[in-house]
PDB file of all heavy atoms in Angstrom:
ATOM      1  N   ALA A   1       6.082 -10.818   1.954  1.00  0.00           N
ATOM      2  CA  ALA A   1       6.330 -11.314   0.600  1.00  0.00           C
ATOM      3  C   ALA A   1       5.024 -11.588  -0.128  1.00  0.00           C
ATOM      4  O   ALA A   1       4.864 -11.229  -1.304  1.00  0.00           O
ATOM      5  CB  ALA A   1       7.187 -12.582   0.650  1.00  0.00           C
ATOM      6  N   ILE A   2       4.069 -12.183   0.565  1.00  0.00           N
ATOM      7  CA  ILE A   2       2.756 -12.451  -0.041  1.00  0.00           C
ATOM      8  C   ILE A   2       2.061 -11.137  -0.376  1.00  0.00           C
ATOM      9  O   ILE A   2       1.447 -10.993  -1.442  1.00  0.00           O
ATOM     10  CB  ILE A   2       1.892 -13.315   0.906  1.00  0.00           C
ATOM     11  CG1 ILE A   2       2.484 -14.720   1.014  1.00  0.00           C
ATOM     12  CG2 ILE A   2       0.437 -13.366   0.420  1.00  0.00           C
ATOM     13  CD1 ILE A   2       1.879 -15.559   2.122  1.00  0.00           C
ATOM     14  N   GLU A   3       2.163 -10.178   0.521  1.00  0.00           N
ATOM     15  CA  GLU A   3       1.563  -8.863   0.297  1.00  0.00           C
ATOM     16  C   GLU A   3       2.109  -8.240  -0.991  1.00  0.00           C
ATOM     17  O   GLU A   3       1.345  -7.770  -1.836  1.00  0.00           O
ATOM     18  CB  GLU A   3       1.867  -7.969   1.501  1.00  0.00           C
ATOM     19  CG  GLU A   3       1.417  -6.545   1.347  1.00  0.00           C
ATOM     20  CD  GLU A   3       1.878  -5.677   2.504  1.00  0.00           C
ATOM     21  OE1 GLU A   3       2.914  -5.979   3.146  1.00  0.00           O
ATOM     22  OE2 GLU A   3       1.195  -4.672   2.762  1.00  0.00           O
ATOM     23  N   GLU A   4       3.420  -8.248  -1.140  1.00  0.00           N
ATOM     24  CA  GLU A   4       4.048  -7.640  -2.317  1.00  0.00           C
ATOM     25  C   GLU A   4       3.745  -8.411  -3.603  1.00  0.00           C
ATOM     26  O   GLU A   4       3.500  -7.810  -4.644  1.00  0.00           O
ATOM     27  CB  GLU A   4       5.566  -7.544  -2.124  1.00  0.00           C
ATOM     28  CG  GLU A   4       5.992  -6.500  -1.120  1.00  0.00           C
ATOM     29  CD  GLU A   4       5.579  -5.089  -1.524  1.00  0.00           C
ATOM     30  OE1 GLU A   4       5.683  -4.730  -2.709  1.00  0.00           O
ATOM     31  OE2 GLU A   4       5.146  -4.339  -0.636  1.00  0.00           O
ATOM     32  N   GLU A   5       3.752  -9.727  -3.518  1.00  0.00           N
ATOM     33  CA  GLU A   5       3.583 -10.559  -4.708  1.00  0.00           C
ATOM     34  C   GLU A   5       2.137 -10.712  -5.148  1.00  0.00           C
ATOM     35  O   GLU A   5       1.864 -10.814  -6.347  1.00  0.00           O
ATOM     36  CB  GLU A   5       4.177 -11.951  -4.463  1.00  0.00           C
ATOM     37  CG  GLU A   5       5.672 -11.957  -4.296  1.00  0.00           C
ATOM     38  CD  GLU A   5       6.199 -13.298  -3.804  1.00  0.00           C
ATOM     39  OE1 GLU A   5       5.476 -14.321  -3.929  1.00  0.00           O
ATOM     40  OE2 GLU A   5       7.327 -13.326  -3.281  1.00  0.00           O
ATOM     41  N   LYS A   6       1.212 -10.733  -4.176  1.00  0.00           N
ATOM     42  CA  LYS A   6      -0.171 -11.060  -4.527  1.00  0.00           C
ATOM     43  C   LYS A   6      -1.201 -10.006  -4.143  1.00  0.00           C
ATOM     44  O   LYS A   6      -2.091  -9.703  -4.921  1.00  0.00           O
ATOM     45  CB  LYS A   6      -0.555 -12.398  -3.900  1.00  0.00           C
ATOM     46  CG  LYS A   6       0.279 -13.539  -4.429  1.00  0.00           C
ATOM     47  CD  LYS A   6      -0.168 -14.865  -3.902  1.00  0.00           C
ATOM     48  CE  LYS A   6       0.722 -15.944  -4.526  1.00  0.00           C
ATOM     49  NZ  LYS A   6       0.271 -17.267  -4.208  1.00  0.00           N
ATOM     50  N   VAL A   7      -1.084  -9.470  -2.931  1.00  0.00           N
ATOM     51  CA  VAL A   7      -2.140  -8.583  -2.428  1.00  0.00           C
ATOM     52  C   VAL A   7      -2.151  -7.246  -3.173  1.00  0.00           C
ATOM     53  O   VAL A   7      -3.195  -6.839  -3.707  1.00  0.00           O
ATOM     54  CB  VAL A   7      -2.006  -8.369  -0.908  1.00  0.00           C
ATOM     55  CG1 VAL A   7      -3.040  -7.361  -0.420  1.00  0.00           C
ATOM     56  CG2 VAL A   7      -2.168  -9.695  -0.179  1.00  0.00           C
ATOM     57  N   TRP A   8      -1.002  -6.552  -3.211  1.00  0.00           N
ATOM     58  CA  TRP A   8      -0.991  -5.242  -3.868  1.00  0.00           C
ATOM     59  C   TRP A   8      -1.291  -5.344  -5.362  1.00  0.00           C
ATOM     60  O   TRP A   8      -2.054  -4.518  -5.883  1.00  0.00           O
ATOM     61  CB  TRP A   8       0.308  -4.496  -3.589  1.00  0.00           C
ATOM     62  CG  TRP A   8       0.346  -3.986  -2.168  1.00  0.00           C
ATOM     63  CD1 TRP A   8       1.211  -4.351  -1.198  1.00  0.00           C
ATOM     64  CD2 TRP A   8      -0.559  -3.060  -1.569  1.00  0.00           C
ATOM     65  NE1 TRP A   8       0.913  -3.708  -0.016  1.00  0.00           N
ATOM     66  CE2 TRP A   8      -0.179  -2.901  -0.225  1.00  0.00           C
ATOM     67  CE3 TRP A   8      -1.659  -2.352  -2.019  1.00  0.00           C
ATOM     68  CZ2 TRP A   8      -0.846  -2.060   0.654  1.00  0.00           C
ATOM     69  CZ3 TRP A   8      -2.327  -1.503  -1.140  1.00  0.00           C
ATOM     70  CH2 TRP A   8      -1.913  -1.372   0.175  1.00  0.00           C
ATOM     71  N   PRO A   9      -0.771  -6.350  -6.082  1.00  0.00           N
ATOM     72  CA  PRO A   9      -1.162  -6.479  -7.492  1.00  0.00           C
ATOM     73  C   PRO A   9      -2.669  -6.723  -7.665  1.00  0.00           C
ATOM     74  O   PRO A   9      -3.288  -6.198  -8.592  1.00  0.00           O
ATOM     75  CB  PRO A   9      -0.343  -7.665  -7.988  1.00  0.00           C
ATOM     76  CG  PRO A   9       0.873  -7.667  -7.120  1.00  0.00           C
ATOM     77  CD  PRO A   9       0.355  -7.233  -5.761  1.00  0.00           C
ATOM     78  N   MET A  10      -3.277  -7.506  -6.758  1.00  0.00           N
ATOM     79  CA  MET A  10      -4.713  -7.755  -6.834  1.00  0.00           C
ATOM     80  C   MET A  10      -5.488  -6.453  -6.607  1.00  0.00           C
ATOM     81  O   MET A  10      -6.427  -6.135  -7.342  1.00  0.00           O
ATOM     82  CB  MET A  10      -5.129  -8.789  -5.797  1.00  0.00           C
ATOM     83  CG  MET A  10      -6.628  -9.059  -5.770  1.00  0.00           C
ATOM     84  SD  MET A  10      -7.138 -10.047  -4.346  1.00  0.00           S
ATOM     85  CE  MET A  10      -6.834  -8.916  -2.999  1.00  0.00           C
ATOM     86  N   ILE A  11      -5.076  -5.686  -5.589  1.00  0.00           N
ATOM     87  CA  ILE A  11      -5.750  -4.416  -5.307  1.00  0.00           C
ATOM     88  C   ILE A  11      -5.583  -3.469  -6.490  1.00  0.00           C
ATOM     89  O   ILE A  11      -6.540  -2.831  -6.932  1.00  0.00           O
ATOM     90  CB  ILE A  11      -5.207  -3.791  -4.004  1.00  0.00           C
ATOM     91  CG1 ILE A  11      -5.622  -4.647  -2.804  1.00  0.00           C
ATOM     92  CG2 ILE A  11      -5.689  -2.350  -3.836  1.00  0.00           C
ATOM     93  CD1 ILE A  11      -4.963  -4.263  -1.490  1.00  0.00           C
ATOM     94  N   ARG A  12      -4.380  -3.395  -7.021  1.00  0.00           N
ATOM     95  CA  ARG A  12      -4.110  -2.517  -8.165  1.00  0.00           C
ATOM     96  C   ARG A  12      -4.989  -2.899  -9.363  1.00  0.00           C
ATOM     97  O   ARG A  12      -5.543  -2.034 -10.040  1.00  0.00           O
ATOM     98  CB  ARG A  12      -2.622  -2.593  -8.523  1.00  0.00           C
ATOM     99  CG  ARG A  12      -2.156  -1.505  -9.450  1.00  0.00           C
ATOM    100  CD  ARG A  12      -0.642  -1.521  -9.612  1.00  0.00           C
ATOM    101  NE  ARG A  12       0.079  -1.121  -8.409  1.00  0.00           N
ATOM    102  CZ  ARG A  12       0.221   0.135  -7.996  1.00  0.00           C
ATOM    103  NH1 ARG A  12      -0.301   1.123  -8.683  1.00  0.00           N
ATOM    104  NH2 ARG A  12       0.897   0.416  -6.905  1.00  0.00           N
ATOM    105  N   ALA A  13      -5.159  -4.191  -9.604  1.00  0.00           N
ATOM    106  CA  ALA A  13      -5.988  -4.661 -10.716  1.00  0.00           C
ATOM    107  C   ALA A  13      -7.465  -4.308 -10.495  1.00  0.00           C
ATOM    108  O   ALA A  13      -8.181  -4.008 -11.443  1.00  0.00           O
ATOM    109  CB  ALA A  13      -5.828  -6.170 -10.905  1.00  0.00           C
ATOM    110  N   GLU A  14      -7.896  -4.339  -9.237  1.00  0.00           N
ATOM    111  CA  GLU A  14      -9.300  -4.070  -8.926  1.00  0.00           C
ATOM    112  C   GLU A  14      -9.646  -2.586  -8.939  1.00  0.00           C
ATOM    113  O   GLU A  14     -10.694  -2.199  -9.441  1.00  0.00           O
ATOM    114  CB  GLU A  14      -9.670  -4.655  -7.548  1.00  0.00           C
ATOM    115  CG  GLU A  14      -9.811  -6.143  -7.529  1.00  0.00           C
ATOM    116  CD  GLU A  14     -11.038  -6.628  -8.254  1.00  0.00           C
ATOM    117  OE1 GLU A  14     -12.109  -5.986  -8.159  1.00  0.00           O
ATOM    118  OE2 GLU A  14     -10.918  -7.653  -8.947  1.00  0.00           O
ATOM    119  N   VAL A  15      -8.776  -1.756  -8.356  1.00  0.00           N
ATOM    120  CA  VAL A  15      -9.145  -0.342  -8.181  1.00  0.00           C
ATOM    121  C   VAL A  15      -8.311   0.623  -9.010  1.00  0.00           C
ATOM    122  O   VAL A  15      -8.612   1.803  -9.055  1.00  0.00           O
ATOM    123  CB  VAL A  15      -9.108   0.081  -6.695  1.00  0.00           C
ATOM    124  CG1 VAL A  15     -10.034  -0.775  -5.855  1.00  0.00           C
ATOM    125  CG2 VAL A  15      -7.696   0.045  -6.147  1.00  0.00           C
ATOM    126  N   GLY A  16      -7.233   0.130  -9.616  1.00  0.00           N
ATOM    127  CA  GLY A  16      -6.419   0.988 -10.467  1.00  0.00           C
ATOM    128  C   GLY A  16      -5.231   1.588  -9.743  1.00  0.00           C
ATOM    129  O   GLY A  16      -5.106   1.525  -8.523  1.00  0.00           O
ATOM    130  N   ASP A  17      -4.356   2.172 -10.560  1.00  0.00           N
ATOM    131  CA  ASP A  17      -3.103   2.716 -10.037  1.00  0.00           C
ATOM    132  C   ASP A  17      -3.308   3.915  -9.119  1.00  0.00           C
ATOM    133  O   ASP A  17      -2.651   4.027  -8.074  1.00  0.00           O
ATOM    134  CB  ASP A  17      -2.181   3.124 -11.192  1.00  0.00           C
ATOM    135  CG  ASP A  17      -1.651   1.922 -11.947  1.00  0.00           C
ATOM    136  OD1 ASP A  17      -1.581   0.820 -11.368  1.00  0.00           O
ATOM    137  OD2 ASP A  17      -1.304   2.083 -13.130  1.00  0.00           O
ATOM    138  N   GLU A  18      -4.208   4.803  -9.484  1.00  0.00           N
ATOM    139  CA  GLU A  18      -4.368   6.040  -8.718  1.00  0.00           C
ATOM    140  C   GLU A  18      -4.784   5.773  -7.275  1.00  0.00           C
ATOM    141  O   GLU A  18      -4.171   6.296  -6.333  1.00  0.00           O
ATOM    142  CB  GLU A  18      -5.391   6.948  -9.401  1.00  0.00           C
ATOM    143  CG  GLU A  18      -5.520   8.302  -8.736  1.00  0.00           C
ATOM    144  CD  GLU A  18      -6.493   9.234  -9.465  1.00  0.00           C
ATOM    145  OE1 GLU A  18      -6.867   8.967 -10.626  1.00  0.00           O
ATOM    146  OE2 GLU A  18      -6.868  10.235  -8.845  1.00  0.00           O
ATOM    147  N   LEU A  19      -5.821   4.948  -7.084  1.00  0.00           N
ATOM    148  CA  LEU A  19      -6.276   4.661  -5.726  1.00  0.00           C
ATOM    149  C   LEU A  19      -5.261   3.813  -4.960  1.00  0.00           C
ATOM    150  O   LEU A  19      -5.043   4.031  -3.765  1.00  0.00           O
ATOM    151  CB  LEU A  19      -7.634   3.957  -5.750  1.00  0.00           C
ATOM    152  CG  LEU A  19      -8.819   4.833  -6.103  1.00  0.00           C
ATOM    153  CD1 LEU A  19     -10.083   4.007  -6.218  1.00  0.00           C
ATOM    154  CD2 LEU A  19      -9.004   5.929  -5.066  1.00  0.00           C
ATOM    155  N   THR A  20      -4.631   2.862  -5.653  1.00  0.00           N
ATOM    156  CA  THR A  20      -3.628   2.032  -4.986  1.00  0.00           C
ATOM    157  C   THR A  20      -2.455   2.882  -4.518  1.00  0.00           C
ATOM    158  O   THR A  20      -1.992   2.746  -3.382  1.00  0.00           O
ATOM    159  CB  THR A  20      -3.137   0.907  -5.916  1.00  0.00           C
ATOM    160  OG1 THR A  20      -4.268   0.133  -6.340  1.00  0.00           O
ATOM    161  CG2 THR A  20      -2.148  -0.002  -5.207  1.00  0.00           C
ATOM    162  N   ASP A  21      -1.978   3.771  -5.384  1.00  0.00           N
ATOM    163  CA  ASP A  21      -0.869   4.644  -5.001  1.00  0.00           C
ATOM    164  C   ASP A  21      -1.254   5.559  -3.847  1.00  0.00           C
ATOM    165  O   ASP A  21      -0.450   5.808  -2.940  1.00  0.00           O
ATOM    166  CB  ASP A  21      -0.390   5.455  -6.205  1.00  0.00           C
ATOM    167  CG  ASP A  21       0.265   4.590  -7.271  1.00  0.00           C
ATOM    168  OD1 ASP A  21       0.670   3.446  -6.964  1.00  0.00           O
ATOM    169  OD2 ASP A  21       0.369   5.056  -8.423  1.00  0.00           O
ATOM    170  N   ALA A  22      -2.497   6.040  -3.848  1.00  0.00           N
ATOM    171  CA  ALA A  22      -2.969   6.890  -2.749  1.00  0.00           C
ATOM    172  C   ALA A  22      -3.018   6.097  -1.447  1.00  0.00           C
ATOM    173  O   ALA A  22      -2.629   6.603  -0.382  1.00  0.00           O
ATOM    174  CB  ALA A  22      -4.337   7.471  -3.076  1.00  0.00           C
ATOM    175  N   LEU A  23      -3.470   4.866  -1.521  1.00  0.00           N
ATOM    176  CA  LEU A  23      -3.520   4.021  -0.333  1.00  0.00           C
ATOM    177  C   LEU A  23      -2.122   3.731   0.195  1.00  0.00           C
ATOM    178  O   LEU A  23      -1.867   3.839   1.400  1.00  0.00           O
ATOM    179  CB  LEU A  23      -4.253   2.707  -0.645  1.00  0.00           C
ATOM    180  CG  LEU A  23      -4.323   1.686   0.481  1.00  0.00           C
ATOM    181  CD1 LEU A  23      -4.990   2.264   1.719  1.00  0.00           C
ATOM    182  CD2 LEU A  23      -5.055   0.443   0.010  1.00  0.00           C
ATOM    183  N   LEU A  24      -1.212   3.388  -0.697  1.00  0.00           N
ATOM    184  CA  LEU A  24       0.164   3.128  -0.277  1.00  0.00           C
ATOM    185  C   LEU A  24       0.802   4.373   0.340  1.00  0.00           C
ATOM    186  O   LEU A  24       1.541   4.277   1.329  1.00  0.00           O
ATOM    187  CB  LEU A  24       0.993   2.618  -1.452  1.00  0.00           C
ATOM    188  CG  LEU A  24       0.674   1.190  -1.898  1.00  0.00           C
ATOM    189  CD1 LEU A  24       1.341   0.883  -3.232  1.00  0.00           C
ATOM    190  CD2 LEU A  24       1.080   0.193  -0.840  1.00  0.00           C
ATOM    191  N   ALA A  25       0.503   5.533  -0.206  1.00  0.00           N
ATOM    192  CA  ALA A  25       1.019   6.782   0.354  1.00  0.00           C
ATOM    193  C   ALA A  25       0.449   7.013   1.757  1.00  0.00           C
ATOM    194  O   ALA A  25       1.166   7.450   2.663  1.00  0.00           O
ATOM    195  CB  ALA A  25       0.695   7.960  -0.559  1.00  0.00           C
ATOM    196  N   ALA A  26      -0.834   6.705   1.934  1.00  0.00           N
ATOM    197  CA  ALA A  26      -1.452   6.859   3.254  1.00  0.00           C
ATOM    198  C   ALA A  26      -0.836   5.889   4.254  1.00  0.00           C
ATOM    199  O   ALA A  26      -0.618   6.243   5.422  1.00  0.00           O
ATOM    200  CB  ALA A  26      -2.960   6.644   3.151  1.00  0.00           C
ATOM    201  N   VAL A  27      -0.537   4.677   3.813  1.00  0.00           N
ATOM    202  CA  VAL A  27       0.111   3.696   4.685  1.00  0.00           C
ATOM    203  C   VAL A  27       1.489   4.207   5.098  1.00  0.00           C
ATOM    204  O   VAL A  27       1.857   4.162   6.277  1.00  0.00           O
ATOM    205  CB  VAL A  27       0.213   2.318   3.990  1.00  0.00           C
ATOM    206  CG1 VAL A  27       1.131   1.379   4.753  1.00  0.00           C
ATOM    207  CG2 VAL A  27      -1.170   1.700   3.831  1.00  0.00           C
ATOM    208  N   ASP A  28       2.252   4.715   4.139  1.00  0.00           N
ATOM    209  CA  ASP A  28       3.574   5.257   4.450  1.00  0.00           C
ATOM    210  C   ASP A  28       3.479   6.421   5.433  1.00  0.00           C
ATOM    211  O   ASP A  28       4.286   6.545   6.357  1.00  0.00           O
ATOM    212  CB  ASP A  28       4.292   5.706   3.175  1.00  0.00           C
ATOM    213  CG  ASP A  28       4.759   4.533   2.332  1.00  0.00           C
ATOM    214  OD1 ASP A  28       4.849   3.400   2.861  1.00  0.00           O
ATOM    215  OD2 ASP A  28       5.028   4.750   1.132  1.00  0.00           O
ATOM    216  N   CYS A  29       2.486   7.268   5.241  1.00  0.00           N
ATOM    217  CA  CYS A  29       2.278   8.414   6.131  1.00  0.00           C
ATOM    218  C   CYS A  29       1.963   7.934   7.545  1.00  0.00           C
ATOM    219  O   CYS A  29       2.509   8.454   8.522  1.00  0.00           O
ATOM    220  CB  CYS A  29       1.146   9.278   5.580  1.00  0.00           C
ATOM    221  SG  CYS A  29       0.808  10.748   6.555  1.00  0.00           S
ATOM    222  N   ALA A  30       1.094   6.937   7.667  1.00  0.00           N
ATOM    223  CA  ALA A  30       0.746   6.403   8.985  1.00  0.00           C
ATOM    224  C   ALA A  30       1.951   5.752   9.645  1.00  0.00           C
ATOM    225  O   ALA A  30       2.172   5.907  10.847  1.00  0.00           O
ATOM    226  CB  ALA A  30      -0.403   5.400   8.855  1.00  0.00           C
ATOM    227  N   LYS A  31       2.748   5.031   8.854  1.00  0.00           N
ATOM    228  CA  LYS A  31       3.964   4.411   9.412  1.00  0.00           C
ATOM    229  C   LYS A  31       4.889   5.477   9.974  1.00  0.00           C
ATOM    230  O   LYS A  31       5.427   5.329  11.071  1.00  0.00           O
ATOM    231  CB  LYS A  31       4.687   3.614   8.328  1.00  0.00           C
ATOM    232  CG  LYS A  31       4.034   2.305   7.978  1.00  0.00           C
ATOM    233  CD  LYS A  31       4.833   1.617   6.855  1.00  0.00           C
ATOM    234  CE  LYS A  31       4.267   0.290   6.489  1.00  0.00           C
ATOM    235  NZ  LYS A  31       5.040  -0.378   5.424  1.00  0.00           N
ATOM    236  N   ALA A  32       5.067   6.552   9.218  1.00  0.00           N
ATOM    237  CA  ALA A  32       5.946   7.631   9.677  1.00  0.00           C
ATOM    238  C   ALA A  32       5.387   8.307  10.918  1.00  0.00           C
ATOM    239  O   ALA A  32       6.106   8.594  11.878  1.00  0.00           O
ATOM    240  CB  ALA A  32       6.149   8.664   8.563  1.00  0.00           C
ATOM    241  N   LYS A  33       4.076   8.532  10.924  1.00  0.00           N
ATOM    242  CA  LYS A  33       3.444   9.233  12.046  1.00  0.00           C
ATOM    243  C   LYS A  33       3.561   8.430  13.340  1.00  0.00           C
ATOM    244  O   LYS A  33       3.771   8.994  14.410  1.00  0.00           O
ATOM    245  CB  LYS A  33       1.970   9.490  11.732  1.00  0.00           C
ATOM    246  CG  LYS A  33       1.228  10.207  12.841  1.00  0.00           C
ATOM    247  CD  LYS A  33      -0.195  10.528  12.459  1.00  0.00           C
ATOM    248  CE  LYS A  33      -0.897  11.254  13.586  1.00  0.00           C
ATOM    249  NZ  LYS A  33      -2.273  11.599  13.255  1.00  0.00           N
ATOM    250  N   TYR A  34       3.427   7.099  13.228  1.00  0.00           N
ATOM    251  CA  TYR A  34       3.416   6.274  14.442  1.00  0.00           C
ATOM    252  C   TYR A  34       4.730   5.545  14.680  1.00  0.00           C
ATOM    253  O   TYR A  34       4.815   4.671  15.533  1.00  0.00           O
ATOM    254  CB  TYR A  34       2.231   5.296  14.398  1.00  0.00           C
ATOM    255  CG  TYR A  34       0.928   6.044  14.456  1.00  0.00           C
ATOM    256  CD1 TYR A  34       0.148   6.198  13.314  1.00  0.00           C
ATOM    257  CD2 TYR A  34       0.496   6.640  15.630  1.00  0.00           C
ATOM    258  CE1 TYR A  34      -1.035   6.911  13.350  1.00  0.00           C
ATOM    259  CE2 TYR A  34      -0.692   7.351  15.679  1.00  0.00           C
ATOM    260  CZ  TYR A  34      -1.453   7.477  14.535  1.00  0.00           C
ATOM    261  OH  TYR A  34      -2.620   8.190  14.587  1.00  0.00           O
ATOM    262  N   GLY A  35       5.772   5.909  13.946  1.00  0.00           N
ATOM    263  CA  GLY A  35       7.092   5.377  14.205  1.00  0.00           C
ATOM    264  C   GLY A  35       7.314   3.938  13.816  1.00  0.00           C
ATOM    265  O   GLY A  35       8.151   3.259  14.388  1.00  0.00           O
ATOM    266  N   TYR A  36       6.552   3.449  12.848  1.00  0.00           N
ATOM    267  CA  TYR A  36       6.713   2.074  12.403  1.00  0.00           C
ATOM    268  C   TYR A  36       7.967   1.967  11.551  1.00  0.00           C
ATOM    269  O   TYR A  36       8.157   2.726  10.610  1.00  0.00           O
ATOM    270  CB  TYR A  36       5.484   1.625  11.599  1.00  0.00           C
ATOM    271  CG  TYR A  36       5.617   0.238  11.038  1.00  0.00           C
ATOM    272  CD1 TYR A  36       5.464  -0.870  11.863  1.00  0.00           C
ATOM    273  CD2 TYR A  36       5.906   0.033   9.696  1.00  0.00           C
ATOM    274  CE1 TYR A  36       5.587  -2.147  11.339  1.00  0.00           C
ATOM    275  CE2 TYR A  36       6.029  -1.249   9.180  1.00  0.00           C
ATOM    276  CZ  TYR A  36       5.876  -2.311  10.009  1.00  0.00           C
ATOM    277  OH  TYR A  36       5.995  -3.583   9.514  1.00  0.00           O
ATOM    278  N   GLU A  37       8.825   1.030  11.882  1.00  0.00           N
ATOM    279  CA  GLU A  37      10.085   0.917  11.172  1.00  0.00           C
ATOM    280  C   GLU A  37      10.213  -0.388  10.400  1.00  0.00           C
ATOM    281  O   GLU A  37      11.269  -0.697   9.888  1.00  0.00           O
ATOM    282  CB  GLU A  37      11.245   1.045  12.160  1.00  0.00           C
ATOM    283  CG  GLU A  37      11.277   2.395  12.844  1.00  0.00           C
ATOM    284  CD  GLU A  37      12.374   2.484  13.888  1.00  0.00           C
ATOM    285  OE1 GLU A  37      13.300   1.674  13.850  1.00  0.00           O
ATOM    286  OE2 GLU A  37      12.275   3.376  14.740  1.00  0.00           O
ATOM    287  N   GLY A  38       9.147  -1.185  10.334  1.00  0.00           N
ATOM    288  CA  GLY A  38       9.240  -2.497   9.691  1.00  0.00           C
ATOM    289  C   GLY A  38       9.160  -2.440   8.195  1.00  0.00           C
ATOM    290  O   GLY A  38       9.084  -1.472   7.547  1.00  0.00           O
TER     291      GLY A  38
END
């Protein structure tokens, strides 16, 4: 909840939408690759 409410908005404000979206996509890719279901 803290991540969604505070961390990602802070990162988005610092680096912009393009890099944040790329990072989130990479996280999703890693979750899929390593079977993370959380």
